[in-house]
Protein backbone atom coordinates (compact mmCIF):
# COMPACT_ATOMS: atom_id res chain seq x y z
CA MET A 1 14.92 -9.16 11.26
CA THR A 2 13.29 -9.15 14.67
CA ALA A 3 12.24 -5.55 15.07
CA SER A 4 8.58 -4.59 15.05
CA HIS A 5 7.26 -2.91 11.93
CA PRO A 6 5.65 0.48 11.45
CA ARG A 7 1.96 -0.01 10.79
CA HIS A 8 1.70 2.46 7.97
CA ARG A 9 3.63 1.21 5.04
CA ARG A 10 7.26 1.78 5.69
CA ALA A 11 8.01 5.38 6.44
CA LEU A 12 11.12 5.40 8.55
CA ALA A 13 11.21 8.92 9.92
CA VAL A 14 8.27 11.21 10.43
CA PRO A 15 9.43 14.65 11.51
CA ALA A 16 7.22 17.72 11.57
CA GLY A 17 7.99 21.39 12.11
CA MET A 18 6.74 24.93 11.96
CA ALA A 19 8.31 25.54 8.55
CA LEU A 20 10.65 22.73 7.48
CA ALA A 21 11.60 19.84 9.76
CA THR A 22 14.63 17.60 9.61
CA ALA A 23 15.15 14.18 11.16
CA LEU A 24 17.92 13.94 13.73
CA ALA A 25 17.91 10.17 13.74
CA PHE A 26 16.74 7.28 11.61
CA LEU A 27 13.68 5.81 13.30
CA PRO A 28 12.92 2.44 11.64
CA ASN A 29 10.28 1.36 14.14
CA THR A 30 8.15 4.49 14.41
CA ALA A 31 4.46 3.57 14.64
CA ALA A 32 1.76 5.40 12.79
CA THR A 33 -0.94 7.44 14.49
CA ALA A 34 -3.84 7.76 12.14
CA ALA A 35 -6.87 8.82 14.14
CA PRO A 36 -9.95 9.85 12.22
CA ALA A 37 -12.98 11.18 13.99
CA HIS A 38 -15.24 9.53 11.42
CA GLN A 39 -15.11 5.86 12.40
CA GLY A 40 -18.74 4.82 11.94
CA ALA A 41 -18.38 2.09 14.56
CA ALA A 42 -20.97 2.15 17.31
CA ALA A 43 -20.13 1.63 20.95
CA SER A 44 -21.99 -1.66 20.79
CA ASP A 45 -19.22 -2.94 18.50
CA ALA A 46 -16.71 -2.83 21.34
CA ALA A 47 -16.62 -6.64 21.62
CA SER A 48 -17.04 -7.29 17.90
CA LEU A 49 -14.59 -8.20 15.21
CA SER A 50 -14.80 -7.26 11.55
CA TYR A 51 -15.03 -9.90 8.82
CA VAL A 52 -15.05 -10.13 5.05
CA VAL A 53 -17.33 -12.69 3.46
CA ASN A 54 -16.56 -13.37 -0.20
CA VAL A 55 -19.25 -14.58 -2.58
CA GLN A 56 -19.60 -14.55 -6.36
CA GLY A 57 -19.34 -11.00 -7.63
CA GLY A 58 -21.69 -9.09 -9.87
CA HIS A 59 -25.03 -10.26 -8.51
CA GLY A 60 -25.30 -8.83 -5.02
CA ALA A 61 -25.20 -10.80 -1.79
CA PRO A 62 -27.53 -13.83 -2.12
CA ALA A 63 -30.55 -13.73 0.17
CA HIS A 64 -29.66 -17.06 1.77
CA VAL A 65 -26.14 -15.76 2.58
CA LYS A 66 -27.59 -12.64 4.19
CA LYS A 67 -29.91 -14.83 6.23
CA ALA A 68 -27.02 -17.08 7.26
CA ILE A 69 -24.95 -14.05 8.32
CA ALA A 70 -27.78 -12.83 10.54
CA LYS A 71 -28.35 -16.31 11.97
CA ALA A 72 -24.64 -16.54 12.84
CA GLY A 73 -24.90 -13.27 14.75
CA GLY A 74 -23.38 -11.02 12.09
CA THR A 75 -24.42 -7.53 11.02
CA ILE A 76 -23.74 -6.48 7.43
CA VAL A 77 -21.90 -3.13 7.35
CA THR A 78 -21.79 -2.87 3.57
CA SER A 79 -21.62 -5.04 0.49
CA TYR A 80 -19.44 -4.44 -2.57
CA ASP A 81 -21.65 -6.32 -4.98
CA GLN A 82 -19.41 -5.68 -8.00
CA ILE A 83 -16.71 -7.90 -6.51
CA GLY A 84 -18.76 -10.00 -4.09
CA VAL A 85 -17.17 -8.76 -0.86
CA ILE A 86 -19.44 -8.34 2.17
CA VAL A 87 -18.18 -6.50 5.27
CA VAL A 88 -19.66 -7.90 8.49
CA HIS A 89 -19.36 -7.18 12.22
CA ALA A 90 -19.88 -10.08 14.61
CA SER A 91 -19.02 -10.83 18.22
CA ASP A 92 -19.07 -14.64 17.95
CA ALA A 93 -15.48 -15.86 17.66
CA ASP A 94 -16.70 -18.76 15.50
CA PHE A 95 -18.54 -16.54 13.02
CA ALA A 96 -16.11 -17.11 10.13
CA LYS A 97 -15.94 -20.84 10.73
CA THR A 98 -19.73 -21.00 10.75
CA ILE A 99 -20.39 -18.84 7.70
CA ARG A 100 -17.84 -20.72 5.56
CA LYS A 101 -20.22 -23.69 5.63
CA THR A 102 -22.90 -21.69 3.81
CA PRO A 103 -23.36 -22.62 0.13
CA GLY A 104 -22.17 -19.77 -2.08
CA VAL A 105 -19.61 -18.46 0.43
CA GLN A 106 -16.25 -18.82 -1.27
CA SER A 107 -14.14 -17.61 1.67
CA ALA A 108 -14.57 -15.68 4.91
CA GLY A 109 -12.22 -14.44 7.58
CA ALA A 110 -11.64 -12.01 10.43
CA THR A 111 -9.85 -8.86 9.34
CA ARG A 112 -8.39 -8.21 12.80
CA ASN A 113 -7.59 -9.70 16.17
CA ALA A 114 -8.39 -6.67 18.34
CA PRO A 115 -12.04 -5.81 18.98
CA LEU A 116 -13.28 -2.64 17.35
CA PRO A 117 -13.22 0.29 17.66
CA SER A 118 -9.57 0.89 18.57
CA ALA A 119 -8.61 3.42 21.19
CA ALA A 120 -4.89 4.00 21.65
CA THR A 121 -2.53 6.23 19.73
CA THR A 122 1.24 6.43 19.64
CA ASP A 123 3.25 9.63 19.84
CA LEU A 124 5.75 10.20 17.08
CA GLY A 125 8.20 12.26 19.12
CA SER A 126 9.44 15.81 18.72
CA PRO A 127 11.17 16.88 15.51
CA LYS A 128 13.90 19.45 15.10
CA VAL A 129 12.63 22.53 13.32
CA LEU A 130 14.86 24.39 10.91
CA SER A 131 15.63 27.92 12.02
CA ALA A 132 14.33 30.87 10.06
CA ALA A 133 17.90 31.46 8.87
CA GLU A 134 18.15 27.92 7.49
CA VAL A 135 14.85 28.26 5.68
CA ALA A 136 15.94 31.61 4.28
CA GLU A 137 19.23 30.11 3.09
CA ALA A 138 17.40 27.31 1.26
CA THR A 139 15.12 29.86 -0.37
CA GLN A 140 18.01 32.08 -1.47
CA GLU A 141 19.79 29.15 -3.11
CA ALA A 142 16.77 28.16 -5.19
CA ALA A 143 17.41 28.67 -8.89
CA GLU A 144 15.21 30.87 -11.02
CA GLY A 145 11.93 29.12 -11.75
CA GLN A 146 12.24 26.81 -8.74
CA ASP A 147 9.92 26.69 -5.77
CA PRO A 148 11.67 27.98 -2.62
CA LEU A 149 12.55 24.57 -1.14
CA GLN A 150 13.15 22.68 -4.38
CA ASN A 151 16.92 22.86 -3.99
CA LEU A 152 16.56 20.51 -1.03
CA GLN A 153 14.82 17.92 -3.22
CA TRP A 154 17.67 15.82 -4.56
CA ASP A 155 15.05 13.22 -5.49
CA LEU A 156 13.61 15.29 -8.35
CA PRO A 157 16.78 15.36 -10.51
CA ALA A 158 17.36 11.70 -9.57
CA ILE A 159 14.37 10.81 -11.75
CA LYS A 160 14.80 13.81 -14.11
CA ALA A 161 11.60 15.39 -12.83
CA ASP A 162 13.20 18.83 -12.88
CA LYS A 163 13.86 18.44 -16.61
CA ALA A 164 10.42 16.96 -17.17
CA HIS A 165 8.79 20.06 -15.66
CA GLU A 166 10.35 22.16 -18.40
CA LYS A 167 8.21 20.15 -20.84
CA SER A 168 5.07 19.40 -18.82
CA LEU A 169 3.74 19.55 -15.27
CA GLY A 170 1.09 16.95 -16.00
CA SER A 171 -2.60 17.26 -16.75
CA SER A 172 -5.28 18.42 -14.34
CA GLU A 173 -7.49 15.77 -15.94
CA VAL A 174 -5.42 13.07 -14.20
CA THR A 175 -6.03 12.15 -10.54
CA VAL A 176 -3.76 10.18 -8.21
CA ALA A 177 -5.50 8.81 -5.11
CA VAL A 178 -3.42 8.58 -1.94
CA ILE A 179 -4.85 5.57 -0.10
CA ASP A 180 -3.31 6.28 3.27
CA THR A 181 -3.69 8.01 6.66
CA GLY A 182 -5.51 11.04 5.28
CA VAL A 183 -4.52 14.16 3.38
CA ASP A 184 -4.57 17.75 4.62
CA ASP A 185 -6.07 19.44 1.58
CA THR A 186 -5.74 22.87 3.23
CA HIS A 187 -1.95 22.77 2.83
CA PRO A 188 -0.93 25.57 0.43
CA ASP A 189 1.13 23.16 -1.67
CA ILE A 190 -1.75 20.64 -1.96
CA ALA A 191 -4.88 22.82 -2.08
CA PRO A 192 -4.45 23.97 -5.72
CA ASN A 193 -4.40 20.37 -6.97
CA PHE A 194 -6.79 18.65 -4.58
CA ASP A 195 -9.63 16.56 -6.00
CA ARG A 196 -12.39 16.68 -3.37
CA ALA A 197 -14.83 14.62 -5.40
CA ALA A 198 -12.40 11.67 -5.39
CA SER A 199 -11.68 11.94 -1.65
CA VAL A 200 -13.33 9.98 1.16
CA ASN A 201 -12.92 8.33 4.56
CA CYS A 202 -13.08 4.52 4.28
CA VAL A 203 -11.93 3.58 7.79
CA ALA A 204 -15.19 1.86 8.75
CA GLY A 205 -15.19 -0.18 5.54
CA LYS A 206 -17.82 2.00 3.86
CA PRO A 207 -17.51 5.52 2.42
CA ASP A 208 -17.86 8.56 4.69
CA THR A 209 -18.14 11.62 2.46
CA SER A 210 -18.72 14.22 5.16
CA GLU A 211 -16.72 17.42 4.78
CA GLY A 212 -13.07 16.94 5.68
CA ALA A 213 -13.47 13.25 6.57
CA TRP A 214 -10.39 12.52 4.46
CA ARG A 215 -8.15 14.77 6.58
CA PRO A 216 -5.87 13.71 9.44
CA GLY A 217 -6.50 15.35 12.80
CA ALA A 218 -3.97 17.26 14.87
CA ALA A 219 -2.72 14.11 16.64
CA GLU A 220 -2.74 11.87 13.59
CA SER A 221 0.00 10.64 11.29
CA PRO A 222 1.28 13.07 8.63
CA HIS A 223 2.14 10.12 6.39
CA GLY A 224 -0.61 10.55 3.78
CA THR A 225 -0.11 14.31 3.56
CA HIS A 226 3.62 13.80 2.99
CA VAL A 227 2.93 11.28 0.22
CA ALA A 228 0.41 13.62 -1.45
CA GLY A 229 2.95 16.44 -1.59
CA GLU A 230 5.61 14.20 -3.09
CA ILE A 231 3.20 13.36 -5.88
CA ALA A 232 1.54 16.67 -6.68
CA ALA A 233 2.74 19.61 -4.58
CA ALA A 234 1.90 22.56 -6.83
CA LYS A 235 4.61 24.53 -8.61
CA ASN A 236 3.26 27.77 -7.20
CA GLY A 237 6.14 29.67 -5.64
CA ILE A 238 5.45 28.10 -2.25
CA GLY A 239 7.45 25.41 -0.51
CA MET A 240 8.35 22.35 -2.57
CA THR A 241 7.49 20.79 -5.93
CA GLY A 242 5.83 17.43 -6.56
CA VAL A 243 6.85 14.90 -9.20
CA ALA A 244 3.70 15.74 -11.17
CA PRO A 245 2.77 19.25 -9.99
CA GLY A 246 0.03 19.72 -12.56
CA VAL A 247 -2.07 16.64 -11.81
CA LYS A 248 -4.82 16.26 -9.23
CA VAL A 249 -4.41 14.37 -5.97
CA SER A 250 -7.12 12.96 -3.71
CA GLY A 251 -7.13 11.58 -0.18
CA ILE A 252 -8.69 8.20 0.62
CA LYS A 253 -8.30 7.66 4.34
CA VAL A 254 -8.10 4.00 5.37
CA SER A 255 -6.16 3.82 8.65
CA ASN A 256 -7.86 3.65 12.05
CA PRO A 257 -6.91 5.46 15.30
CA ASP A 258 -4.06 3.03 15.95
CA GLY A 259 -2.67 3.38 12.45
CA TYR A 260 -3.91 -0.01 11.26
CA PHE A 261 -4.91 -0.52 7.63
CA TYR A 262 -7.57 -3.22 7.88
CA THR A 263 -8.93 -5.16 4.92
CA GLU A 264 -12.44 -3.69 4.87
CA ALA A 265 -11.01 -0.15 4.72
CA VAL A 266 -8.52 -1.05 2.00
CA VAL A 267 -11.24 -2.73 -0.10
CA CYS A 268 -13.41 0.37 0.32
CA GLY A 269 -10.49 2.56 -0.77
CA PHE A 270 -9.88 0.70 -4.01
CA MET A 271 -13.58 0.52 -4.77
CA TRP A 272 -13.99 4.26 -4.21
CA ALA A 273 -11.04 4.99 -6.49
CA ALA A 274 -12.48 2.66 -9.13
CA GLU A 275 -15.86 4.39 -9.13
CA HIS A 276 -14.54 7.97 -9.04
CA GLY A 277 -12.33 8.24 -12.08
CA VAL A 278 -8.98 7.79 -10.36
CA ASP A 279 -6.10 7.13 -12.78
CA VAL A 280 -3.41 6.04 -10.30
CA THR A 281 -3.55 4.82 -6.70
CA ASN A 282 -0.60 5.05 -4.32
CA ASN A 283 -0.40 2.43 -1.58
CA SER A 284 2.37 3.04 0.93
CA TYR A 285 1.24 0.51 3.56
CA TYR A 286 0.57 -3.15 4.12
CA THR A 287 -2.83 -4.53 5.02
CA ASP A 288 -2.93 -5.34 8.74
CA PRO A 289 -2.72 -7.36 10.87
CA TRP A 290 -0.64 -9.86 8.89
CA TYR A 291 2.54 -8.64 7.22
CA PHE A 292 2.30 -11.74 5.05
CA ASN A 293 -1.07 -13.42 4.44
CA CYS A 294 -0.79 -17.18 4.03
CA THR A 295 -3.40 -18.70 1.75
CA ASP A 296 -3.40 -22.00 3.64
CA ASP A 297 -4.98 -20.13 6.58
CA PRO A 298 -8.74 -19.64 5.98
CA ASP A 299 -8.86 -16.16 7.55
CA GLN A 300 -5.79 -14.87 5.73
CA LYS A 301 -6.93 -16.47 2.49
CA ALA A 302 -10.16 -14.46 2.69
CA LEU A 303 -8.24 -11.21 3.17
CA VAL A 304 -6.05 -11.91 0.15
CA GLU A 305 -9.12 -12.69 -1.93
CA ALA A 306 -10.99 -9.55 -0.87
CA VAL A 307 -8.13 -7.14 -1.53
CA SER A 308 -7.23 -8.95 -4.78
CA ARG A 309 -10.77 -8.52 -6.05
CA ALA A 310 -10.67 -4.82 -5.19
CA THR A 311 -7.31 -4.13 -6.87
CA ARG A 312 -8.34 -6.02 -9.99
CA TYR A 313 -11.62 -4.11 -10.14
CA ALA A 314 -9.84 -0.76 -9.78
CA GLU A 315 -7.49 -1.69 -12.63
CA ARG A 316 -10.39 -2.80 -14.82
CA LYS A 317 -11.93 0.60 -14.20
CA GLY A 318 -8.76 2.36 -15.34
CA ALA A 319 -6.48 2.76 -12.32
CA VAL A 320 -2.80 1.87 -12.17
CA ASN A 321 -2.08 0.59 -8.64
CA VAL A 322 1.36 1.43 -7.24
CA ALA A 323 2.65 0.04 -3.92
CA ALA A 324 5.70 0.24 -1.68
CA ALA A 325 7.88 -2.85 -1.33
CA GLY A 326 8.58 -2.58 2.41
CA ASN A 327 11.38 -1.54 4.74
CA GLU A 328 12.78 -4.70 6.30
CA ASN A 329 15.57 -5.48 3.79
CA TYR A 330 13.75 -8.73 3.06
CA ASP A 331 14.46 -10.72 -0.09
CA LEU A 332 10.87 -11.29 -1.21
CA SER A 333 12.02 -13.86 -3.75
CA SER A 334 13.70 -16.06 -1.14
CA ASP A 335 12.44 -19.48 -0.07
CA GLU A 336 11.59 -18.32 3.42
CA ILE A 337 11.35 -15.24 5.59
CA THR A 338 10.98 -14.97 9.36
CA ASP A 339 8.06 -12.67 10.11
CA PRO A 340 8.23 -11.58 13.78
CA SER A 341 5.45 -9.01 13.69
CA SER A 342 2.22 -10.82 12.81
CA PRO A 343 -0.48 -10.43 13.89
CA ASN A 344 0.50 -6.91 14.87
CA ASP A 345 -2.79 -6.25 16.67
CA GLY A 346 -2.55 -9.42 18.74
CA THR A 347 0.33 -11.53 20.05
CA PRO A 348 2.97 -11.77 17.32
CA SER A 349 5.49 -14.56 17.17
CA ASP A 350 8.35 -15.52 14.91
CA ARG A 351 6.83 -17.49 12.06
CA VAL A 352 8.72 -18.73 9.03
CA ILE A 353 6.81 -18.10 5.82
CA ASP A 354 7.27 -18.73 2.11
CA PRO A 355 6.78 -15.31 0.43
CA SER A 356 5.54 -17.01 -2.74
CA GLU A 357 2.60 -18.45 -0.79
CA CYS A 358 2.21 -15.89 2.00
CA LEU A 359 1.64 -12.49 0.42
CA ASP A 360 2.22 -8.91 1.47
CA ILE A 361 -0.98 -7.22 0.25
CA PRO A 362 -1.50 -5.19 -1.84
CA THR A 363 2.23 -5.11 -2.72
CA GLN A 364 2.56 -8.67 -4.00
CA LEU A 365 -0.79 -8.92 -5.74
CA PRO A 366 -0.84 -9.50 -9.51
CA GLY A 367 -0.92 -6.30 -11.53
CA VAL A 368 0.27 -4.05 -8.72
CA VAL A 369 3.45 -2.02 -9.46
CA THR A 370 5.93 -2.91 -6.70
CA VAL A 371 8.44 -0.16 -5.89
CA ALA A 372 11.86 -0.43 -4.23
CA SER A 373 13.62 2.54 -2.66
CA THR A 374 16.92 4.19 -3.54
CA GLY A 375 19.00 6.77 -1.70
CA ALA A 376 20.85 9.90 -2.73
CA LYS A 377 23.74 7.91 -4.21
CA GLY A 378 21.37 5.87 -6.37
CA TRP A 379 21.92 2.64 -4.46
CA LYS A 380 19.18 0.50 -2.96
CA SER A 381 18.19 2.05 0.34
CA SER A 382 19.60 0.14 3.31
CA PHE A 383 16.09 -0.79 4.46
CA SER A 384 14.34 -1.49 1.15
CA ASN A 385 12.89 -4.91 0.47
CA TYR A 386 14.00 -6.46 -2.80
CA GLY A 387 13.64 -9.62 -4.85
CA LEU A 388 14.13 -10.84 -8.41
CA GLY A 389 10.77 -11.02 -10.15
CA ILE A 390 9.08 -9.10 -7.32
CA ILE A 391 10.44 -5.57 -7.66
CA ASP A 392 9.11 -3.85 -10.78
CA ILE A 393 10.82 -0.47 -10.56
CA ALA A 394 12.85 1.76 -8.23
CA ALA A 395 12.62 5.39 -7.17
CA PRO A 396 14.04 7.69 -4.48
CA GLY A 397 12.78 6.89 -1.01
CA GLY A 398 15.77 8.25 0.90
CA ASP A 399 18.25 6.67 3.26
CA SER A 400 20.33 7.66 6.25
CA THR A 401 22.30 10.77 5.30
CA ALA A 402 25.43 9.11 6.69
CA LEU A 403 25.01 6.17 4.32
CA GLN A 404 23.95 8.07 1.20
CA THR A 405 24.83 11.76 1.41
CA PRO A 406 23.22 14.01 -1.21
CA ALA A 407 25.14 16.57 -3.24
CA PRO A 408 24.78 20.19 -2.07
CA PRO A 409 22.67 22.24 -1.74
CA ALA A 410 20.55 19.35 -0.44
CA THR A 411 21.44 18.58 3.17
CA SER A 412 19.38 15.50 4.08
CA GLY A 413 19.37 12.03 2.57
CA LEU A 414 15.67 11.75 3.40
CA ILE A 415 12.76 12.92 1.24
CA LEU A 416 11.15 16.33 1.61
CA GLY A 417 7.36 16.39 1.68
CA THR A 418 4.34 18.33 2.87
CA LEU A 419 3.07 17.99 6.44
CA PRO A 420 -0.32 18.92 7.92
CA GLY A 421 -0.78 22.49 9.02
CA GLY A 422 1.12 24.09 6.16
CA ARG A 423 4.48 22.60 7.09
CA TRP A 424 7.20 20.64 5.33
CA GLY A 425 9.46 17.89 6.61
CA TYR A 426 11.61 14.88 5.85
CA MET A 427 10.65 11.20 5.85
CA ALA A 428 12.21 8.08 4.34
CA GLY A 429 11.06 4.63 3.33
CA THR A 430 9.64 2.74 0.41
CA SER A 431 6.57 4.79 1.40
CA MET A 432 8.37 7.71 -0.19
CA ALA A 433 9.60 5.76 -3.24
CA SER A 434 6.12 4.61 -4.25
CA PRO A 435 4.68 8.15 -4.70
CA HIS A 436 7.56 9.05 -7.01
CA VAL A 437 6.50 6.20 -9.28
CA ALA A 438 2.83 7.14 -8.90
CA GLY A 439 3.77 10.67 -10.01
CA VAL A 440 5.65 9.37 -13.05
CA ALA A 441 2.69 7.13 -13.94
CA ALA A 442 0.47 10.23 -13.73
CA LEU A 443 2.80 12.05 -16.14
CA ILE A 444 2.57 9.11 -18.57
CA LYS A 445 -1.21 9.16 -18.30
CA SER A 446 -1.15 12.92 -18.91
CA ARG A 447 0.76 12.43 -22.15
CA HIS A 448 -1.30 9.40 -23.18
CA PRO A 449 -4.78 10.16 -21.79
CA TYR A 450 -6.46 7.19 -23.46
CA ALA A 451 -3.84 4.63 -22.44
CA PRO A 452 -5.29 1.76 -20.37
CA PRO A 453 -3.46 0.69 -17.20
CA ALA A 454 -1.59 -2.11 -18.98
CA LEU A 455 -0.07 0.36 -21.44
CA VAL A 456 0.77 2.90 -18.75
CA LYS A 457 2.65 0.18 -16.86
CA ALA A 458 4.39 -1.01 -20.01
CA LEU A 459 5.59 2.52 -20.74
CA LEU A 460 6.63 2.99 -17.10
CA TYR A 461 8.88 -0.07 -17.28
CA ALA A 462 10.16 0.54 -20.81
CA GLN A 463 11.13 4.12 -19.98
CA ALA A 464 12.88 3.25 -16.71
CA ASP A 465 16.63 3.75 -16.68
CA ALA A 466 18.16 0.26 -16.45
CA THR A 467 20.28 0.04 -13.30
CA ALA A 468 22.78 -2.73 -12.74
CA CYS A 469 22.98 -4.67 -9.49
CA THR A 470 25.04 -3.07 -6.75
CA LYS A 471 27.76 -5.67 -6.15
CA PRO A 472 28.95 -6.06 -3.53
CA TYR A 473 26.16 -4.37 -1.61
CA ASP A 474 27.93 -3.31 1.58
CA ILE A 475 25.91 -0.21 2.41
CA ASP A 476 27.53 0.42 5.80
CA ASN A 477 31.05 -0.39 4.54
CA ASP A 478 31.76 -2.93 7.26
CA GLY A 479 33.13 -5.57 4.90
CA LYS A 480 29.96 -7.69 4.99
CA ALA A 481 27.32 -7.89 2.28
CA ASP A 482 24.00 -6.48 3.48
CA ALA A 483 21.93 -7.96 0.63
CA VAL A 484 22.53 -9.91 -2.56
CA CYS A 485 21.21 -8.61 -5.89
CA GLU A 486 20.36 -11.07 -8.65
CA GLY A 487 19.54 -10.50 -12.30
CA PRO A 488 20.74 -8.46 -15.30
CA LYS A 489 20.95 -4.70 -15.62
CA ASN A 490 17.51 -4.36 -17.19
CA ARG A 491 15.62 -6.57 -14.70
CA ASN A 492 17.08 -7.39 -11.31
CA GLY A 493 16.09 -7.84 -7.70
CA PHE A 494 17.19 -4.42 -6.44
CA TYR A 495 15.87 -2.08 -9.12
CA GLY A 496 13.48 -4.10 -11.26
CA TRP A 497 13.31 -2.55 -14.72
CA GLY A 498 15.36 0.37 -13.40
CA MET A 499 14.94 3.88 -12.03
CA ALA A 500 11.72 5.67 -12.88
CA ASP A 501 12.23 8.35 -15.55
CA ALA A 502 9.95 11.40 -15.44
CA LEU A 503 11.54 13.06 -18.50
CA ASP A 504 10.79 10.12 -20.76
CA ALA A 505 7.27 10.08 -19.31
CA VAL A 506 6.53 13.52 -20.78
CA THR A 507 8.51 13.23 -24.03
CA ARG A 508 7.98 9.66 -25.28
């Protein structure tokens, strides 16, 4: 695979429209455009890089380490004392190398290659908007008790969410945090379920709680808003229905103006979720600039350590962390993968990595629920990463309509979701599969409010519908296998423990 990768985690098509948008083409290399106004980076940082310095957690940054940071030309932005991660800005290219020599510093590394703050954005292109007649037709075909656009959501019956909603919509005491490009909480399908207290902007690596800081702007990516609607769009007679339409959803914005998800922002996001009562986090991205972070590289090792500490802390505080597997059709259990995109904020080159030693974070971190994508026919999506022992569970993330055509009245093989400005549209990717699993986890937590994360995950896997390998997997029907699935029906490389089951989540 030699194509460049989208910077937000694996959404393949990002249409937007006045009422309901539909993708005309599959766009696997669309770049994100997440552009918050609340960056917190001063103009004087223009020649600086951002670093994480990892020390022993639980005791605060030692005074001698703080002194060493200052002596090396660094400025501490914030310190997450609970996990021993210090966020630093420094302009000296040798800062990390210097600070690693300090006693008590366990690892340190640059989180990016491009100086901060970033400046450019990328246009997503113009979508095709459904006509008023098409919207009216979809509304007329909705069954009694359905939201107007629910008949276009083939993904809900695929995980039995429509049947689950007859039993329970989920509890308003449960919150799912969308760690992403921002969430438009003014959307009529999101506003009823939005948890403002658990929302924040973490782009600068420290929390910005100013009003609306968690929202995307007019020119920013709709990715996070789409994900939020998939999880918890209210069942309110408007638009679409989420997997768990009775739970709360929050927005934790972590992507910068270029759509990059840097380590300091991701760490801040998990820490905020941990300290604000979040029950589930959804992570439809990879941590930039390295698609895979190799632990034999001192910079990349520090990034793995920082994000690992943050995910573990969030889980200890009660959150189930769910993440998308990726859209490159990689076998993550293979001996080697060619990564052509890293570092994606510098000069990438083809590098051959061992995915057991070079990790996609947070997706491949211990304890994180790794989600593969399926299409309307129930097969692995053509783009979805896979791997025996890596994939935990599968859920609908869509696929090209030509490859996996849904049954009527649905018309698109992509996934319907909310878009900023009160709109709805289609996207596809493991980005869309992950929120389905996050929604099911929220339904489990609603039924078992005192269940710790380990039990929620155990129930999630036990309740999944075992799905046998697709053999041969020739998704485009050209006579050649497009991927090879290994493992038995109840635990294999394409579907993990199987397809997420929302009905079991509310009845068992």
